[in-house]
Amino acid sequence: MDAFAIGDTVEITGPVMTGNVGTVVHLDTAREKYLVRVGGATQNYFPAEQLRLFRA
């Protein structure tokens, strides 16, 4: 699980929340998923293949 780190800004590319940009706030190593927070209150877990680093 070294594709992303806590604090990375990522764009969601998977079927849920596609196109949203958020911040990695937690690494779930047991499930191999990243918790991404979008905005102030929305967050969800995603596998690495559903995320990419965001470049403004």
PDB file of N, CA and C in Angstrom:
ATOM      1  N   MET A   1       0.836  -1.188   0.000  1.00  0.00           N
ATOM      2  CA  MET A   1       0.000   0.000   0.000  1.00  0.00           C
ATOM      3  C   MET A   1       0.875   1.244   0.000  1.00  0.00           C
ATOM      4  N   ASP A   2       1.594   1.414  -1.064  1.00  0.00           N
ATOM      5  CA  ASP A   2       2.450   2.587  -1.133  1.00  0.00           C
ATOM      6  C   ASP A   2       2.106   3.491  -2.311  1.00  0.00           C
ATOM      7  N   ALA A   3       0.927   3.298  -2.904  1.00  0.00           N
ATOM      8  CA  ALA A   3       0.519   4.128  -4.037  1.00  0.00           C
ATOM      9  C   ALA A   3       0.223   5.558  -3.587  1.00  0.00           C
ATOM     10  N   PHE A   4      -0.369   5.709  -2.402  1.00  0.00           N
ATOM     11  CA  PHE A   4      -0.750   7.020  -1.882  1.00  0.00           C
ATOM     12  C   PHE A   4      -0.390   7.103  -0.408  1.00  0.00           C
ATOM     13  N   ALA A   5      -0.257   8.328   0.075  1.00  0.00           N
ATOM     14  CA  ALA A   5       0.062   8.564   1.483  1.00  0.00           C
ATOM     15  C   ALA A   5      -0.994   9.475   2.091  1.00  0.00           C
ATOM     16  N   ILE A   6      -1.095   9.458   3.405  1.00  0.00           N
ATOM     17  CA  ILE A   6      -2.009  10.360   4.091  1.00  0.00           C
ATOM     18  C   ILE A   6      -1.622  11.796   3.718  1.00  0.00           C
ATOM     19  N   GLY A   7      -2.629  12.566   3.336  1.00  0.00           N
ATOM     20  CA  GLY A   7      -2.401  13.950   2.931  1.00  0.00           C
ATOM     21  C   GLY A   7      -2.358  14.152   1.432  1.00  0.00           C
ATOM     22  N   ASP A   8      -2.234  13.068   0.653  1.00  0.00           N
ATOM     23  CA  ASP A   8      -2.233  13.183  -0.801  1.00  0.00           C
ATOM     24  C   ASP A   8      -3.600  13.656  -1.295  1.00  0.00           C
ATOM     25  N   THR A   9      -3.595  14.527  -2.289  1.00  0.00           N
ATOM     26  CA  THR A   9      -4.827  14.949  -2.940  1.00  0.00           C
ATOM     27  C   THR A   9      -5.040  14.036  -4.140  1.00  0.00           C
ATOM     28  N   VAL A  10      -6.201  13.394  -4.182  1.00  0.00           N
ATOM     29  CA  VAL A  10      -6.478  12.398  -5.213  1.00  0.00           C
ATOM     30  C   VAL A  10      -7.807  12.692  -5.908  1.00  0.00           C
ATOM     31  N   GLU A  11      -7.903  12.209  -7.150  1.00  0.00           N
ATOM     32  CA  GLU A  11      -9.161  12.260  -7.893  1.00  0.00           C
ATOM     33  C   GLU A  11      -9.725  10.853  -7.930  1.00  0.00           C
ATOM     34  N   ILE A  12     -11.017  10.733  -7.700  1.00  0.00           N
ATOM     35  CA  ILE A  12     -11.677   9.437  -7.687  1.00  0.00           C
ATOM     36  C   ILE A  12     -12.061   9.070  -9.117  1.00  0.00           C
ATOM     37  N   THR A  13     -11.681   7.859  -9.543  1.00  0.00           N
ATOM     38  CA  THR A  13     -11.933   7.418 -10.919  1.00  0.00           C
ATOM     39  C   THR A  13     -12.853   6.217 -10.994  1.00  0.00           C
ATOM     40  N   GLY A  14     -13.233   5.680  -9.845  1.00  0.00           N
ATOM     41  CA  GLY A  14     -14.072   4.484  -9.813  1.00  0.00           C
ATOM     42  C   GLY A  14     -15.532   4.797 -10.073  1.00  0.00           C
ATOM     43  N   PRO A  15     -16.392   3.792  -9.977  1.00  0.00           N
ATOM     44  CA  PRO A  15     -17.806   3.969 -10.286  1.00  0.00           C
ATOM     45  C   PRO A  15     -18.573   4.804  -9.259  1.00  0.00           C
ATOM     46  N   VAL A  16     -18.047   4.957  -8.059  1.00  0.00           N
ATOM     47  CA  VAL A  16     -18.700   5.748  -7.015  1.00  0.00           C
ATOM     48  C   VAL A  16     -17.935   7.055  -6.834  1.00  0.00           C
ATOM     49  N   MET A  17     -18.625   8.179  -6.888  1.00  0.00           N
ATOM     50  CA  MET A  17     -18.045   9.507  -6.661  1.00  0.00           C
ATOM     51  C   MET A  17     -17.030   9.908  -7.737  1.00  0.00           C
ATOM     52  N   THR A  18     -17.156   9.385  -8.928  1.00  0.00           N
ATOM     53  CA  THR A  18     -16.229   9.674 -10.021  1.00  0.00           C
ATOM     54  C   THR A  18     -16.073  11.172 -10.240  1.00  0.00           C
ATOM     55  N   GLY A  19     -14.821  11.599 -10.400  1.00  0.00           N
ATOM     56  CA  GLY A  19     -14.520  12.995 -10.688  1.00  0.00           C
ATOM     57  C   GLY A  19     -14.334  13.866  -9.466  1.00  0.00           C
ATOM     58  N   ASN A  20     -14.731  13.392  -8.307  1.00  0.00           N
ATOM     59  CA  ASN A  20     -14.535  14.169  -7.085  1.00  0.00           C
ATOM     60  C   ASN A  20     -13.062  14.169  -6.697  1.00  0.00           C
ATOM     61  N   VAL A  21     -12.636  15.252  -6.075  1.00  0.00           N
ATOM     62  CA  VAL A  21     -11.268  15.387  -5.584  1.00  0.00           C
ATOM     63  C   VAL A  21     -11.318  15.442  -4.069  1.00  0.00           C
ATOM     64  N   GLY A  22     -10.426  14.675  -3.443  1.00  0.00           N
ATOM     65  CA  GLY A  22     -10.392  14.638  -1.987  1.00  0.00           C
ATOM     66  C   GLY A  22      -8.998  14.382  -1.462  1.00  0.00           C
ATOM     67  N   THR A  23      -8.916  14.179  -0.161  1.00  0.00           N
ATOM     68  CA  THR A  23      -7.643  13.969   0.529  1.00  0.00           C
ATOM     69  C   THR A  23      -7.637  12.616   1.206  1.00  0.00           C
ATOM     70  N   VAL A  24      -6.546  11.884   1.060  1.00  0.00           N
ATOM     71  CA  VAL A  24      -6.378  10.604   1.754  1.00  0.00           C
ATOM     72  C   VAL A  24      -6.183  10.907   3.241  1.00  0.00           C
ATOM     73  N   VAL A  25      -7.058  10.338   4.085  1.00  0.00           N
ATOM     74  CA  VAL A  25      -6.989  10.609   5.518  1.00  0.00           C
ATOM     75  C   VAL A  25      -6.677   9.374   6.356  1.00  0.00           C
ATOM     76  N   HIS A  26      -6.728   8.182   5.736  1.00  0.00           N
ATOM     77  CA  HIS A  26      -6.465   6.955   6.492  1.00  0.00           C
ATOM     78  C   HIS A  26      -6.094   5.841   5.514  1.00  0.00           C
ATOM     79  N   LEU A  27      -5.205   4.953   5.958  1.00  0.00           N
ATOM     80  CA  LEU A  27      -4.830   3.774   5.177  1.00  0.00           C
ATOM     81  C   LEU A  27      -5.349   2.546   5.902  1.00  0.00           C
ATOM     82  N   ASP A  28      -6.199   1.772   5.256  1.00  0.00           N
ATOM     83  CA  ASP A  28      -6.707   0.527   5.832  1.00  0.00           C
ATOM     84  C   ASP A  28      -5.889  -0.601   5.216  1.00  0.00           C
ATOM     85  N   THR A  29      -4.787  -0.959   5.862  1.00  0.00           N
ATOM     86  CA  THR A  29      -3.880  -1.958   5.303  1.00  0.00           C
ATOM     87  C   THR A  29      -4.492  -3.347   5.268  1.00  0.00           C
ATOM     88  N   ALA A  30      -5.368  -3.650   6.190  1.00  0.00           N
ATOM     89  CA  ALA A  30      -5.999  -4.975   6.216  1.00  0.00           C
ATOM     90  C   ALA A  30      -6.884  -5.187   4.986  1.00  0.00           C
ATOM     91  N   ARG A  31      -7.608  -4.154   4.576  1.00  0.00           N
ATOM     92  CA  ARG A  31      -8.495  -4.255   3.410  1.00  0.00           C
ATOM     93  C   ARG A  31      -7.861  -3.692   2.137  1.00  0.00           C
ATOM     94  N   GLU A  32      -6.655  -3.121   2.268  1.00  0.00           N
ATOM     95  CA  GLU A  32      -5.937  -2.494   1.151  1.00  0.00           C
ATOM     96  C   GLU A  32      -6.790  -1.423   0.476  1.00  0.00           C
ATOM     97  N   LYS A  33      -7.320  -0.525   1.306  1.00  0.00           N
ATOM     98  CA  LYS A  33      -8.133   0.584   0.801  1.00  0.00           C
ATOM     99  C   LYS A  33      -7.703   1.878   1.469  1.00  0.00           C
ATOM    100  N   TYR A  34      -7.992   2.983   0.776  1.00  0.00           N
ATOM    101  CA  TYR A  34      -7.660   4.317   1.248  1.00  0.00           C
ATOM    102  C   TYR A  34      -8.952   5.054   1.596  1.00  0.00           C
ATOM    103  N   LEU A  35      -8.980   5.699   2.765  1.00  0.00           N
ATOM    104  CA  LEU A  35     -10.126   6.511   3.132  1.00  0.00           C
ATOM    105  C   LEU A  35      -9.886   7.913   2.594  1.00  0.00           C
ATOM    106  N   VAL A  36     -10.802   8.354   1.716  1.00  0.00           N
ATOM    107  CA  VAL A  36     -10.676   9.661   1.077  1.00  0.00           C
ATOM    108  C   VAL A  36     -11.803  10.561   1.568  1.00  0.00           C
ATOM    109  N   ARG A  37     -11.434  11.750   2.042  1.00  0.00           N
ATOM    110  CA  ARG A  37     -12.422  12.731   2.496  1.00  0.00           C
ATOM    111  C   ARG A  37     -12.611  13.771   1.400  1.00  0.00           C
ATOM    112  N   VAL A  38     -13.877  13.965   1.031  1.00  0.00           N
ATOM    113  CA  VAL A  38     -14.252  14.945   0.027  1.00  0.00           C
ATOM    114  C   VAL A  38     -15.088  16.005   0.724  1.00  0.00           C
ATOM    115  N   GLY A  39     -14.634  17.234   0.701  1.00  0.00           N
ATOM    116  CA  GLY A  39     -15.361  18.288   1.413  1.00  0.00           C
ATOM    117  C   GLY A  39     -15.190  18.125   2.909  1.00  0.00           C
ATOM    118  N   GLY A  40     -16.123  18.681   3.647  1.00  0.00           N
ATOM    119  CA  GLY A  40     -15.999  18.668   5.102  1.00  0.00           C
ATOM    120  C   GLY A  40     -16.504  17.420   5.783  1.00  0.00           C
ATOM    121  N   ALA A  41     -17.464  16.703   5.160  1.00  0.00           N
ATOM    122  CA  ALA A  41     -18.098  15.612   5.888  1.00  0.00           C
ATOM    123  C   ALA A  41     -18.225  14.303   5.110  1.00  0.00           C
ATOM    124  N   THR A  42     -17.979  14.307   3.810  1.00  0.00           N
ATOM    125  CA  THR A  42     -18.158  13.100   3.002  1.00  0.00           C
ATOM    126  C   THR A  42     -16.836  12.356   2.886  1.00  0.00           C
ATOM    127  N   GLN A  43     -16.874  11.057   3.140  1.00  0.00           N
ATOM    128  CA  GLN A  43     -15.675  10.233   2.993  1.00  0.00           C
ATOM    129  C   GLN A  43     -16.077   8.811   2.645  1.00  0.00           C
ATOM    130  N   ASN A  44     -15.151   8.095   1.992  1.00  0.00           N
ATOM    131  CA  ASN A  44     -15.418   6.726   1.575  1.00  0.00           C
ATOM    132  C   ASN A  44     -14.086   6.022   1.354  1.00  0.00           C
ATOM    133  N   TYR A  45     -14.119   4.684   1.403  1.00  0.00           N
ATOM    134  CA  TYR A  45     -12.928   3.875   1.160  1.00  0.00           C
ATOM    135  C   TYR A  45     -12.843   3.485  -0.315  1.00  0.00           C
ATOM    136  N   PHE A  46     -11.621   3.530  -0.869  1.00  0.00           N
ATOM    137  CA  PHE A  46     -11.389   3.182  -2.268  1.00  0.00           C
ATOM    138  C   PHE A  46     -10.111   2.361  -2.398  1.00  0.00           C
ATOM    139  N   PRO A  47     -10.097   1.376  -3.312  1.00  0.00           N
ATOM    140  CA  PRO A  47      -8.850   0.691  -3.631  1.00  0.00           C
ATOM    141  C   PRO A  47      -7.988   1.610  -4.494  1.00  0.00           C
ATOM    142  N   ALA A  48      -6.701   1.341  -4.557  1.00  0.00           N
ATOM    143  CA  ALA A  48      -5.768   2.189  -5.305  1.00  0.00           C
ATOM    144  C   ALA A  48      -6.139   2.345  -6.767  1.00  0.00           C
ATOM    145  N   GLU A  49      -6.696   1.298  -7.377  1.00  0.00           N
ATOM    146  CA  GLU A  49      -7.014   1.374  -8.805  1.00  0.00           C
ATOM    147  C   GLU A  49      -8.182   2.308  -9.119  1.00  0.00           C
ATOM    148  N   GLN A  50      -8.874   2.807  -8.104  1.00  0.00           N
ATOM    149  CA  GLN A  50      -9.975   3.738  -8.314  1.00  0.00           C
ATOM    150  C   GLN A  50      -9.574   5.176  -7.961  1.00  0.00           C
ATOM    151  N   LEU A  51      -8.267   5.409  -7.793  1.00  0.00           N
ATOM    152  CA  LEU A  51      -7.766   6.733  -7.447  1.00  0.00           C
ATOM    153  C   LEU A  51      -6.581   7.090  -8.327  1.00  0.00           C
ATOM    154  N   ARG A  52      -6.351   8.410  -8.493  1.00  0.00           N
ATOM    155  CA  ARG A  52      -5.128   8.875  -9.129  1.00  0.00           C
ATOM    156  C   ARG A  52      -4.758  10.200  -8.478  1.00  0.00           C
ATOM    157  N   LEU A  53      -3.455  10.493  -8.437  1.00  0.00           N
ATOM    158  CA  LEU A  53      -3.013  11.757  -7.856  1.00  0.00           C
ATOM    159  C   LEU A  53      -3.619  12.908  -8.636  1.00  0.00           C
ATOM    160  N   PHE A  54      -4.092  13.916  -7.930  1.00  0.00           N
ATOM    161  CA  PHE A  54      -4.693  15.079  -8.562  1.00  0.00           C
ATOM    162  C   PHE A  54      -3.627  16.103  -8.871  1.00  0.00           C
ATOM    163  N   ARG A  55      -3.613  16.554 -10.101  1.00  0.00           N
ATOM    164  CA  ARG A  55      -2.689  17.611 -10.539  1.00  0.00           C
ATOM    165  C   ARG A  55      -3.524  18.781 -11.044  1.00  0.00           C
ATOM    166  N   ALA A  56      -3.447  19.912 -10.359  1.00  0.00           N
ATOM    167  CA  ALA A  56      -4.256  21.091 -10.724  1.00  0.00           C
ATOM    168  C   ALA A  56      -3.755  21.745 -11.991  1.00  0.00           C
TER     169      ALA A  56
END
